[in-house]
C-alpha atoms as a PDB file:
ATOM      1  CA  MET A   1      78.323  99.923 119.270  1.00  0.00           C
ATOM      2  CA  THR A   2      80.075  98.090 122.028  1.00  0.00           C
ATOM      3  CA  GLY A   3      83.841  97.980 122.302  1.00  0.00           C
ATOM      4  CA  LEU A   4      83.913  94.388 121.097  1.00  0.00           C
ATOM      5  CA  GLU A   5      81.843  95.185 117.995  1.00  0.00           C
ATOM      6  CA  GLU A   6      84.078  98.136 117.188  1.00  0.00           C
ATOM      7  CA  LEU A   7      87.163  95.974 117.586  1.00  0.00           C
ATOM      8  CA  GLY A   8      85.586  93.427 115.252  1.00  0.00           C
ATOM      9  CA  TRP A   9      85.050  96.053 112.555  1.00  0.00           C
ATOM     10  CA  TYR A  10      88.638  97.259 112.866  1.00  0.00           C
ATOM     11  CA  ALA A  11      89.861  93.684 112.531  1.00  0.00           C
ATOM     12  CA  PHE A  12      87.605  93.146 109.500  1.00  0.00           C
ATOM     13  CA  VAL A  13      88.964  96.249 107.744  1.00  0.00           C
ATOM     14  CA  VAL A  14      92.580  95.260 108.365  1.00  0.00           C
ATOM     15  CA  PHE A  15      92.171  91.617 107.362  1.00  0.00           C
ATOM     16  CA  ALA A  16      90.042  92.402 104.302  1.00  0.00           C
ATOM     17  CA  GLN A  17      92.950  94.366 102.870  1.00  0.00           C
ATOM     18  CA  LEU A  18      95.247  91.396 103.412  1.00  0.00           C
ATOM     19  CA  ILE A  19      92.867  88.665 102.309  1.00  0.00           C
ATOM     20  CA  GLY A  20      91.667  90.368  99.103  1.00  0.00           C
ATOM     21  CA  PRO A  21      95.023  90.332  97.269  1.00  0.00           C
ATOM     22  CA  LEU A  22      95.744  86.845  98.576  1.00  0.00           C
ATOM     23  CA  VAL A  23      92.457  85.525  97.179  1.00  0.00           C
ATOM     24  CA  TRP A  24      93.162  87.199  93.814  1.00  0.00           C
ATOM     25  CA  PHE A  25      96.675  85.755  93.700  1.00  0.00           C
ATOM     26  CA  LEU A  26      95.464  82.240  94.445  1.00  0.00           C
ATOM     27  CA  LEU A  27      92.228  82.140  92.443  1.00  0.00           C
ATOM     28  CA  ALA A  28      91.751  84.887  89.873  1.00  0.00           C
ATOM     29  CA  ARG A  29      95.179  85.404  88.305  1.00  0.00           C
ATOM     30  CA  ASP A  30      94.866  82.279  86.113  1.00  0.00           C
ATOM     31  CA  GLY A  31      92.281  84.054  83.972  1.00  0.00           C
ATOM     32  CA  TYR A  32      94.740  86.842  83.190  1.00  0.00           C
ATOM     33  CA  GLU A  33      97.379  84.515  81.746  1.00  0.00           C
ATOM     34  CA  SER A  34      95.226  83.995  78.657  1.00  0.00           C
ATOM     35  CA  LEU A  35      95.407  87.740  77.945  1.00  0.00           C
ATOM     36  CA  SER A  36      99.174  87.655  77.331  1.00  0.00           C
ATOM     37  CA  PRO A  37     100.283  87.971  73.687  1.00  0.00           C
ATOM     38  CA  ALA A  38     100.981  84.790  71.754  1.00  0.00           C
ATOM     39  CA  PRO A  39     104.642  83.875  71.274  1.00  0.00           C
ATOM     40  CA  ARG A  40     106.233  84.779  67.947  1.00  0.00           C
ATOM     41  CA  PRO A  41     106.203  81.765  65.606  1.00  0.00           C
ATOM     42  CA  PHE A  42     109.504  80.401  64.293  1.00  0.00           C
ATOM     43  CA  LEU A  43     110.023  81.104  60.616  1.00  0.00           C
ATOM     44  CA  PRO A  44     112.744  79.339  58.576  1.00  0.00           C
ATOM     45  CA  ASP A  45     113.878  82.625  56.991  1.00  0.00           C
ATOM     46  CA  ASP A  46     114.187  84.390  60.324  1.00  0.00           C
ATOM     47  CA  SER A  47     117.267  86.643  60.467  1.00  0.00           C
ATOM     48  CA  ARG A  48     117.973  85.611  64.083  1.00  0.00           C
ATOM     49  CA  ILE A  49     119.218  82.192  62.897  1.00  0.00           C
ATOM     50  CA  ARG A  50     122.554  83.498  61.574  1.00  0.00           C
END
């Protein structure tokens, strides 16, 4: 491998670790919001009303 190719691989490894979480944060995290538990429904006889 030439010096330029080796430098390219080093750059790829460094930037892949930065770009991967950024891509997940921007694109994939919306699918995980649907996994959160549903909010507790309001009940008229709820003891928190007092």
